[in-house]
Structure formats: structure tokens, C-alpha cells
N, C-alpha and C. Protein backbone atom coordinates (compact mmCIF):
# COMPACT_ATOMS: atom_id res chain seq x y z
N UNK A 1 9.00 -40.05 -65.95
CA UNK A 1 8.79 -39.07 -65.81
C UNK A 1 7.47 -38.74 -64.93
N UNK A 2 6.63 -39.08 -65.36
CA UNK A 2 5.40 -39.02 -64.40
C UNK A 2 5.26 -39.45 -63.08
N UNK A 3 5.79 -40.78 -63.04
CA UNK A 3 6.20 -40.91 -61.57
C UNK A 3 6.99 -40.13 -60.64
N UNK A 4 8.10 -39.64 -61.39
CA UNK A 4 9.00 -38.62 -60.90
C UNK A 4 8.27 -37.39 -60.11
N UNK A 5 7.23 -36.79 -61.19
CA UNK A 5 6.65 -35.70 -60.69
C UNK A 5 5.62 -35.95 -59.80
N UNK A 6 5.00 -37.16 -59.96
CA UNK A 6 3.92 -37.42 -59.09
C UNK A 6 4.53 -37.62 -57.63
N UNK A 7 5.65 -38.12 -57.50
CA UNK A 7 6.33 -38.63 -56.02
C UNK A 7 7.11 -37.22 -55.47
N UNK A 8 7.47 -36.48 -56.37
CA UNK A 8 8.01 -35.04 -56.15
C UNK A 8 6.66 -34.13 -55.49
N UNK A 9 5.52 -34.20 -56.25
CA UNK A 9 4.36 -33.64 -55.75
C UNK A 9 3.86 -34.03 -54.45
N UNK A 10 3.96 -35.31 -54.35
CA UNK A 10 3.33 -36.18 -52.81
C UNK A 10 4.44 -35.89 -51.76
N UNK A 11 5.65 -35.67 -52.04
CA UNK A 11 6.69 -35.26 -51.12
C UNK A 11 6.47 -33.97 -50.66
N UNK A 12 6.22 -33.00 -51.60
CA UNK A 12 5.98 -31.53 -51.28
C UNK A 12 4.67 -31.19 -50.47
N UNK A 13 3.64 -32.27 -50.81
CA UNK A 13 2.23 -31.92 -50.26
C UNK A 13 2.40 -32.79 -48.55
N UNK A 14 3.04 -33.72 -48.56
CA UNK A 14 3.29 -34.16 -47.21
C UNK A 14 4.35 -33.24 -46.49
N UNK A 15 5.38 -32.61 -47.12
CA UNK A 15 6.31 -31.65 -46.09
C UNK A 15 5.41 -30.52 -45.75
N UNK A 16 4.50 -30.15 -46.81
CA UNK A 16 3.44 -29.18 -46.47
C UNK A 16 2.86 -29.17 -45.10
N UNK A 17 2.23 -30.37 -45.29
CA UNK A 17 1.02 -30.88 -43.98
C UNK A 17 1.99 -31.18 -42.77
N UNK A 18 3.26 -31.58 -42.83
CA UNK A 18 3.91 -31.52 -41.55
C UNK A 18 4.36 -30.17 -40.97
N UNK A 19 4.81 -29.28 -42.03
CA UNK A 19 5.15 -27.93 -41.44
C UNK A 19 3.78 -27.21 -40.94
N UNK A 20 2.72 -27.15 -41.62
CA UNK A 20 1.47 -26.82 -41.03
C UNK A 20 0.95 -27.15 -39.81
N UNK A 21 1.35 -28.76 -39.76
CA UNK A 21 0.78 -29.44 -38.26
C UNK A 21 1.73 -28.75 -37.57
N UNK A 22 2.92 -28.55 -37.51
CA UNK A 22 3.78 -28.19 -36.60
C UNK A 22 3.55 -26.76 -36.23
N UNK A 23 3.36 -26.00 -37.22
CA UNK A 23 2.82 -24.44 -36.90
C UNK A 23 1.65 -24.65 -35.96
N UNK A 24 0.63 -25.33 -36.33
CA UNK A 24 -0.46 -25.08 -35.39
C UNK A 24 -0.35 -25.86 -34.07
N UNK A 25 0.33 -26.52 -34.10
CA UNK A 25 0.65 -27.24 -32.65
C UNK A 25 1.69 -26.41 -31.61
N UNK A 26 2.52 -25.72 -32.44
CA UNK A 26 3.07 -24.59 -31.41
C UNK A 26 2.35 -23.69 -31.02
N UNK A 27 1.44 -23.38 -32.08
CA UNK A 27 0.45 -22.12 -31.50
C UNK A 27 -0.34 -22.51 -30.39
N UNK A 28 -0.85 -23.69 -30.45
CA UNK A 28 -1.72 -24.30 -28.98
C UNK A 28 -0.92 -24.04 -27.74
N UNK A 29 0.24 -24.69 -28.07
CA UNK A 29 1.21 -24.67 -26.87
C UNK A 29 1.33 -23.42 -26.40
N UNK A 30 1.48 -22.19 -27.18
CA UNK A 30 1.81 -20.86 -26.76
C UNK A 30 0.46 -20.45 -26.04
N UNK A 31 -0.82 -20.96 -26.46
CA UNK A 31 -2.21 -20.44 -25.88
C UNK A 31 -2.14 -21.20 -24.50
N UNK A 32 -1.64 -22.31 -24.20
CA UNK A 32 -1.62 -22.96 -22.99
C UNK A 32 -0.54 -22.43 -21.76
N UNK A 33 0.39 -21.87 -22.52
CA UNK A 33 1.42 -20.88 -21.63
C UNK A 33 0.87 -19.42 -20.73
N UNK A 34 -0.19 -19.22 -21.29
CA UNK A 34 -0.85 -17.81 -21.06
C UNK A 34 -0.80 -17.70 -19.32
N UNK A 35 -0.33 -16.77 -18.67
CA UNK A 35 -0.49 -16.66 -17.40
C UNK A 35 -0.70 -15.00 -16.81
N UNK A 36 -1.41 -15.03 -16.16
CA UNK A 36 -2.07 -13.78 -15.31
C UNK A 36 -0.78 -12.77 -15.09
N UNK A 37 -0.87 -11.70 -15.03
CA UNK A 37 0.18 -10.69 -14.97
C UNK A 37 0.33 -11.12 -13.53
N UNK A 38 1.74 -10.57 -12.98
CA UNK A 38 2.10 -10.74 -11.66
C UNK A 38 1.31 -9.71 -11.11
N UNK A 39 1.06 -10.05 -9.69
CA UNK A 39 0.50 -9.09 -8.55
C UNK A 39 2.02 -8.08 -8.23
N UNK A 40 1.63 -6.77 -8.37
CA UNK A 40 2.78 -5.94 -7.93
C UNK A 40 3.13 -6.05 -6.74
N UNK A 41 4.33 -6.05 -5.96
CA UNK A 41 4.77 -5.99 -4.63
C UNK A 41 4.66 -4.99 -3.96
N UNK A 42 4.31 -3.51 -4.73
CA UNK A 42 4.38 -2.32 -4.29
C UNK A 42 3.17 -2.11 -3.95
N UNK A 43 3.24 -1.12 -3.00
CA UNK A 43 1.81 -0.39 -2.60
C UNK A 43 2.31 1.16 -2.48
N UNK A 44 1.36 1.85 -3.01
CA UNK A 44 1.88 3.26 -3.18
C UNK A 44 2.15 3.86 -1.70
N UNK A 45 3.51 4.36 -1.36
CA UNK A 45 3.57 4.94 0.02
C UNK A 45 3.14 6.44 0.07
N UNK A 46 3.02 6.79 1.28
CA UNK A 46 2.63 7.83 1.85
C UNK A 46 1.21 8.23 2.11
N UNK A 47 0.49 9.06 1.65
CA UNK A 47 -0.81 9.66 2.00
C UNK A 47 -1.93 8.99 1.41
N UNK A 48 -3.11 8.17 1.62
CA UNK A 48 -4.24 7.88 1.07
C UNK A 48 -5.35 8.62 1.73
N UNK A 49 -6.48 8.44 1.05
CA UNK A 49 -7.84 8.90 1.34
C UNK A 49 -8.78 8.12 1.03
N UNK A 50 -9.77 7.75 2.14
CA UNK A 50 -10.98 6.83 1.72
C UNK A 50 -12.26 7.60 2.07
N UNK A 51 -13.27 7.35 1.31
CA UNK A 51 -14.59 7.89 1.54
C UNK A 51 -15.46 6.77 2.16
N UNK A 52 -16.18 7.16 3.17
CA UNK A 52 -16.83 6.08 3.97
C UNK A 52 -18.08 6.60 4.26
N UNK A 53 -19.29 6.13 5.03
CA UNK A 53 -20.24 6.51 5.52
C UNK A 53 -20.25 7.51 6.79
N UNK A 54 -18.97 7.76 7.58
CA UNK A 54 -19.24 8.60 8.61
C UNK A 54 -18.43 9.80 8.21
N UNK A 55 -18.00 9.78 6.77
CA UNK A 55 -17.33 10.99 6.19
C UNK A 55 -16.15 10.28 5.35
N UNK A 56 -14.75 10.89 5.79
CA UNK A 56 -13.50 10.42 5.27
C UNK A 56 -12.69 9.82 6.27
N UNK A 57 -11.43 9.12 5.83
CA UNK A 57 -10.31 8.87 6.48
C UNK A 57 -9.24 9.03 5.77
N UNK A 58 -8.06 9.42 6.57
CA UNK A 58 -6.76 9.57 5.82
C UNK A 58 -5.85 8.37 6.57
N UNK A 59 -5.22 7.81 5.61
CA UNK A 59 -3.96 6.81 6.52
C UNK A 59 -2.49 6.93 5.66
N UNK A 60 -1.74 6.83 6.35
CA UNK A 60 -0.28 7.06 5.85
C UNK A 60 0.30 5.72 5.88
N UNK A 61 0.68 5.20 4.52
CA UNK A 61 1.59 3.78 4.39
C UNK A 61 3.05 4.25 4.42
N UNK A 62 3.76 3.51 5.08
CA UNK A 62 5.29 3.85 5.59
C UNK A 62 6.13 3.35 4.22
N UNK A 63 7.18 3.63 4.13
CA UNK A 63 8.10 3.71 3.24
C UNK A 63 8.49 2.28 2.77
N UNK A 64 8.44 1.27 3.87
CA UNK A 64 8.61 0.01 3.57
C UNK A 64 7.45 -0.68 3.28
N UNK A 65 6.32 -0.22 2.96
CA UNK A 65 4.90 -0.62 2.67
C UNK A 65 4.76 -2.02 3.81
N UNK A 66 5.08 -1.67 5.01
CA UNK A 66 4.47 -2.80 6.01
C UNK A 66 3.67 -2.39 6.82
N UNK A 67 3.70 -1.01 7.22
CA UNK A 67 2.60 -0.78 8.20
C UNK A 67 2.14 0.67 7.69
N UNK A 68 0.93 0.88 8.43
CA UNK A 68 0.33 2.05 8.35
C UNK A 68 0.58 2.80 9.67
N UNK A 69 1.15 3.88 9.40
CA UNK A 69 1.58 4.76 10.63
C UNK A 69 0.64 5.89 11.46
N UNK A 70 -0.22 5.93 10.41
CA UNK A 70 -1.26 7.20 10.97
C UNK A 70 -2.64 6.94 10.46
N UNK A 71 -3.64 6.93 10.91
CA UNK A 71 -5.17 7.19 10.53
C UNK A 71 -5.75 8.35 11.09
N UNK A 72 -6.33 9.19 10.51
CA UNK A 72 -7.08 10.44 10.83
C UNK A 72 -8.64 10.20 10.34
N UNK A 73 -9.33 9.89 11.16
CA UNK A 73 -10.96 9.93 11.16
C UNK A 73 -11.54 11.30 10.85
N UNK A 74 -12.23 11.41 9.85
CA UNK A 74 -12.87 12.69 9.45
C UNK A 74 -14.48 12.50 9.58
N UNK A 75 -14.91 12.89 10.60
CA UNK A 75 -16.51 12.98 10.98
C UNK A 75 -16.95 13.92 10.30
N UNK A 76 -18.11 13.69 9.29
CA UNK A 76 -18.89 14.82 8.48
C UNK A 76 -20.33 14.83 9.00
N UNK A 77 -21.05 15.22 9.98
CA UNK A 77 -22.22 15.58 10.22
C UNK A 77 -22.82 13.76 10.37
N UNK A 78 -21.99 12.95 10.86
CA UNK A 78 -22.21 11.67 11.10
C UNK A 78 -23.31 11.39 12.22
N UNK A 79 -24.21 10.92 11.92
CA UNK A 79 -25.49 10.53 13.19
C UNK A 79 -25.25 8.90 13.64
N UNK A 80 -24.99 9.08 14.89
CA UNK A 80 -24.73 7.77 15.62
C UNK A 80 -25.63 7.75 16.77
N UNK A 81 -26.83 6.89 16.82
CA UNK A 81 -27.67 7.16 18.09
C UNK A 81 -28.10 8.47 18.23
N UNK A 82 -28.01 8.83 19.39
CA UNK A 82 -28.69 10.22 19.68
C UNK A 82 -27.89 11.30 19.27
N UNK A 83 -26.45 10.97 18.54
CA UNK A 83 -25.28 12.24 18.67
C UNK A 83 -25.01 12.36 17.01
N UNK A 84 -24.67 13.54 16.85
CA UNK A 84 -24.13 13.77 15.56
C UNK A 84 -22.73 14.06 15.80
N UNK A 85 -21.95 13.33 14.99
CA UNK A 85 -20.42 13.77 15.18
C UNK A 85 -19.78 14.53 13.94
N UNK A 86 -19.08 15.52 14.27
CA UNK A 86 -18.12 16.44 13.35
C UNK A 86 -16.75 16.48 14.01
N UNK A 87 -15.59 16.59 13.03
CA UNK A 87 -14.37 16.95 13.76
C UNK A 87 -13.35 15.59 13.13
N UNK A 88 -12.24 15.78 13.65
CA UNK A 88 -11.13 14.81 13.12
C UNK A 88 -10.65 14.21 14.44
N UNK A 89 -10.32 12.89 14.35
CA UNK A 89 -9.20 12.32 15.10
C UNK A 89 -8.28 11.51 14.86
N UNK A 90 -6.99 11.79 15.01
CA UNK A 90 -5.89 11.39 14.51
C UNK A 90 -5.10 10.62 15.29
N UNK A 91 -4.75 9.44 15.17
CA UNK A 91 -3.99 8.30 16.06
C UNK A 91 -2.74 7.96 15.29
N UNK A 92 -1.81 7.83 15.78
CA UNK A 92 -0.63 7.31 15.04
C UNK A 92 -0.13 6.34 15.95
N UNK A 93 0.81 5.34 15.59
CA UNK A 93 1.51 4.14 16.25
C UNK A 93 2.80 4.11 15.63
N UNK A 94 3.61 3.72 16.45
CA UNK A 94 4.99 3.16 16.35
C UNK A 94 5.15 1.56 16.43
N UNK A 95 5.36 0.72 15.53
CA UNK A 95 5.60 1.00 14.10
C UNK A 95 4.40 1.30 13.31
N UNK A 96 3.18 0.94 13.78
CA UNK A 96 1.85 1.28 13.03
C UNK A 96 1.22 -0.09 13.07
N UNK A 97 0.22 -0.18 12.38
CA UNK A 97 -0.99 -1.39 12.09
C UNK A 97 -0.23 -2.07 10.97
N UNK A 98 0.03 -3.31 11.18
CA UNK A 98 0.67 -3.99 10.18
C UNK A 98 -0.15 -4.14 8.92
N UNK A 99 0.88 -4.12 7.47
CA UNK A 99 0.17 -4.44 6.36
C UNK A 99 0.87 -5.90 5.95
N UNK A 100 -0.16 -6.92 6.01
CA UNK A 100 0.41 -8.40 5.43
C UNK A 100 -0.59 -8.63 4.65
N UNK A 101 0.10 -9.46 3.71
CA UNK A 101 -0.50 -10.22 2.50
C UNK A 101 -1.48 -9.23 1.76
N UNK A 102 -1.09 -7.98 1.92
CA UNK A 102 -1.94 -6.53 1.40
C UNK A 102 -2.98 -6.10 2.05
N UNK A 103 -3.24 -6.77 3.30
CA UNK A 103 -4.32 -6.61 4.22
C UNK A 103 -4.00 -5.82 5.40
N UNK A 104 -4.77 -4.87 6.16
CA UNK A 104 -4.66 -4.58 7.45
C UNK A 104 -5.69 -4.41 8.00
N UNK A 105 -5.54 -4.15 9.24
CA UNK A 105 -6.91 -3.83 10.34
C UNK A 105 -6.41 -2.79 11.43
N UNK A 106 -7.50 -1.87 11.66
CA UNK A 106 -7.14 -0.87 12.63
C UNK A 106 -8.56 -0.96 13.70
N UNK A 107 -8.19 -0.92 14.95
CA UNK A 107 -9.35 -1.11 15.92
C UNK A 107 -8.90 -0.03 16.89
N UNK A 108 -9.73 0.55 17.25
CA UNK A 108 -9.37 1.47 18.46
C UNK A 108 -10.69 1.98 19.21
N UNK A 109 -10.54 2.25 20.47
CA UNK A 109 -11.39 2.77 21.42
C UNK A 109 -11.46 4.07 21.18
N UNK A 110 -12.34 4.91 20.71
CA UNK A 110 -12.22 6.40 20.48
C UNK A 110 -12.59 7.14 21.69
N UNK A 111 -13.03 6.41 22.61
CA UNK A 111 -13.54 7.28 24.06
C UNK A 111 -12.21 7.20 24.77
N UNK A 112 -11.54 8.08 25.29
CA UNK A 112 -10.24 8.16 26.13
C UNK A 112 -10.61 8.23 27.73
N UNK A 113 -11.82 8.46 27.98
CA UNK A 113 -12.43 8.35 29.33
C UNK A 113 -13.66 7.18 29.70
N UNK A 114 -13.06 6.26 30.39
CA UNK A 114 -14.12 5.22 30.91
C UNK A 114 -15.40 6.04 31.66
N UNK A 115 -16.17 5.46 31.79
CA UNK A 115 -16.79 4.03 31.15
C UNK A 115 -17.41 4.44 29.99
N UNK A 116 -17.67 3.45 29.33
CA UNK A 116 -18.42 3.61 27.79
C UNK A 116 -17.23 3.40 26.83
N UNK A 117 -17.96 2.80 25.85
CA UNK A 117 -17.00 2.28 24.80
C UNK A 117 -17.12 3.03 23.29
N UNK A 118 -16.51 3.30 22.67
CA UNK A 118 -16.45 3.78 21.25
C UNK A 118 -15.48 3.13 20.34
N UNK A 119 -15.84 2.01 20.00
CA UNK A 119 -14.92 1.12 19.24
C UNK A 119 -14.92 1.52 17.60
N UNK A 120 -14.23 1.68 17.02
CA UNK A 120 -14.18 2.06 15.64
C UNK A 120 -13.03 0.83 15.00
N UNK A 121 -13.41 0.16 14.12
CA UNK A 121 -12.79 -1.06 13.35
C UNK A 121 -12.72 -0.74 12.00
N UNK A 122 -11.70 -0.87 11.49
CA UNK A 122 -11.46 -0.41 9.83
C UNK A 122 -10.44 -1.61 9.18
N UNK A 123 -11.15 -2.26 8.35
CA UNK A 123 -10.28 -3.48 7.93
C UNK A 123 -10.16 -3.27 6.13
N UNK A 124 -8.97 -3.56 5.72
CA UNK A 124 -8.80 -3.34 4.11
C UNK A 124 -7.97 -4.24 3.43
N UNK A 125 -8.37 -4.17 2.23
CA UNK A 125 -7.03 -4.82 1.26
C UNK A 125 -6.72 -3.95 0.37
N UNK A 126 -5.17 -3.74 -0.08
CA UNK A 126 -4.84 -3.18 -1.26
C UNK A 126 -5.12 -3.88 -2.49
N UNK A 127 -5.37 -3.39 -3.61
CA UNK A 127 -5.65 -3.96 -4.79
C UNK A 127 -4.10 -4.59 -5.55
N UNK A 128 -4.27 -5.25 -6.31
CA UNK A 128 -3.26 -6.26 -6.86
C UNK A 128 -2.04 -5.22 -7.50
N UNK A 129 -2.62 -3.71 -8.14
CA UNK A 129 -1.65 -2.97 -8.44
C UNK A 129 -1.05 -2.20 -7.41
N UNK A 130 -1.57 -2.18 -6.39
CA UNK A 130 -1.02 -1.49 -5.05
C UNK A 130 -1.65 0.19 -5.14
N UNK A 131 -2.62 0.44 -6.09
CA UNK A 131 -2.82 2.00 -6.28
C UNK A 131 -4.18 2.12 -5.59
N UNK A 132 -4.82 1.43 -5.08
CA UNK A 132 -6.39 1.33 -4.50
C UNK A 132 -6.35 0.33 -3.47
N UNK A 133 -7.40 0.69 -2.55
CA UNK A 133 -7.62 -0.17 -1.39
C UNK A 133 -9.31 0.00 -1.14
N UNK A 134 -9.55 -0.87 -0.55
CA UNK A 134 -11.24 -0.90 -0.08
C UNK A 134 -11.31 -2.04 1.26
N UNK A 135 -12.51 -1.70 1.70
CA UNK A 135 -12.71 -2.53 2.97
C UNK A 135 -13.95 -2.11 3.63
N UNK A 136 -14.02 -2.70 4.77
CA UNK A 136 -15.52 -2.30 5.56
C UNK A 136 -14.89 -1.57 6.65
N UNK A 137 -15.85 -0.68 7.29
CA UNK A 137 -15.77 -0.04 8.83
C UNK A 137 -16.73 -0.40 9.65
N UNK A 138 -16.64 -0.77 10.83
CA UNK A 138 -17.69 -0.93 11.77
C UNK A 138 -17.26 -0.09 13.28
N UNK A 139 -18.63 0.60 13.44
CA UNK A 139 -18.52 1.45 14.82
C UNK A 139 -19.58 1.03 15.93
N UNK A 140 -19.10 0.88 17.07
CA UNK A 140 -19.68 0.26 17.94
C UNK A 140 -19.75 1.54 19.07
N UNK A 141 -20.99 2.09 19.49
CA UNK A 141 -20.79 3.13 20.27
C UNK A 141 -21.71 3.00 21.39
N UNK A 142 -21.19 2.35 22.51
CA UNK A 142 -22.27 1.83 23.69
C UNK A 142 -23.14 1.26 23.26
N UNK A 143 -23.07 0.21 22.42
CA UNK A 143 -24.09 -0.84 21.97
C UNK A 143 -24.95 -0.45 20.76
N UNK A 144 -24.76 0.76 20.22
CA UNK A 144 -25.28 1.45 19.10
C UNK A 144 -24.25 1.10 17.93
N UNK A 145 -24.67 0.43 16.96
CA UNK A 145 -23.67 -0.05 15.70
C UNK A 145 -24.16 0.68 14.59
N UNK A 146 -23.00 0.79 13.49
CA UNK A 146 -23.09 1.16 12.33
C UNK A 146 -22.11 0.94 11.43
N UNK A 147 -22.10 0.50 10.11
CA UNK A 147 -20.81 0.07 9.35
C UNK A 147 -21.29 0.26 7.87
N UNK A 148 -20.28 -0.11 7.23
CA UNK A 148 -20.20 0.37 5.98
C UNK A 148 -18.98 -0.07 5.04
N UNK A 149 -18.86 0.15 3.69
CA UNK A 149 -18.03 -0.29 3.08
C UNK A 149 -17.11 1.11 2.70
N UNK A 150 -15.80 1.10 2.22
CA UNK A 150 -14.88 2.19 1.97
C UNK A 150 -13.78 1.87 0.82
N UNK A 151 -13.61 2.87 0.12
CA UNK A 151 -12.68 2.78 -1.01
C UNK A 151 -11.62 3.74 -0.92
N UNK A 152 -10.50 3.59 -1.13
CA UNK A 152 -9.18 4.69 -0.92
C UNK A 152 -8.30 4.83 -1.89
N UNK A 153 -7.80 5.95 -2.23
CA UNK A 153 -6.93 6.17 -3.35
C UNK A 153 -5.85 6.85 -2.80
N UNK A 154 -4.55 6.68 -3.28
CA UNK A 154 -3.28 7.41 -2.87
C UNK A 154 -3.37 9.14 -3.11
N UNK A 155 -3.04 9.73 -2.18
CA UNK A 155 -3.15 11.31 -2.71
C UNK A 155 -1.82 11.65 -3.61
N UNK A 156 -1.68 12.55 -3.91
CA UNK A 156 -0.24 12.90 -4.52
C UNK A 156 0.59 13.39 -3.60
N UNK A 157 1.53 12.29 -3.53
CA UNK A 157 2.58 12.65 -2.17
C UNK A 157 3.75 13.32 -2.72
């Protein structure tokens, strides 16, 4: 009878070890399968507002999230060379400035009357959630340059 009890106890012990081993092994497999959350394919459509060194700028993301259809540059006592700029310049384009891989670039000569160049370049990237954007801006006004970073959020549309 002792042999039967001992072999039953041995069988139960080995069975428990196998079950525990399987559980721990499957837990480790679950850890290996962790993946980063997916990047949203959506970018908030409508009006956005960015803050930057020359003041602020607004832009409009179209309904298909593939173009920015309008930029408004809002200069707030921005000193550039011997001049100080105040006011707003709005530019629109059809279909607009393309958004590709969550990135965009805007470059425009703000001086409508030659000679002279007043080039403004804004580049940016939308975050993974599509709820924020950031990038750089660069201005070159007849050889005088200024640049900096910007961040933007969507406005309540």
C-alpha cells in the first residue's frame, strides 16, 4: 500500500510541476507578444493654432487629412533686422500643401513686389495620435535670418 501511495504522490507531484511549467512558459510567451499601440491614421481636421517666435500661425487641415488648405501668419511685434512686424498674412491654395507620412512643408515668398525676398518656411509633423503637431520655422528677409521651433494644437472646430 505504501508503494501505491508513494507512486500516486509522485504522479501528482510530477503533474503539478508540468502544469506550473506550462503556465510559466505561456506567461512568458504573452510577454513576448507585446506590441506598441498602433499609430492613429486620423489627424484632427479643421483649424489648428501654433505658437512660435514671430507670434502665432493658424492652419487648416482638409477633411481628407491630406492637405493643409490655408496658413495665416500672425506677427506680434516680431523684430527682424531693422524692422518690427505686426499683422496677419493669410495664404490659401488648392488643393493645398500636402500632408504625407504625417509631415508637411510650407514655403512662401511673403514679398509680393520684387526685388527682394521675404521667404518663410514652416515644416512640421503631426504626432502619433493626430492631436498635436510640432516643427520648425525659418524666415529669410533679404539675407537676415531668424528661426525657431513651434507647437500646435487643434482648435475646437
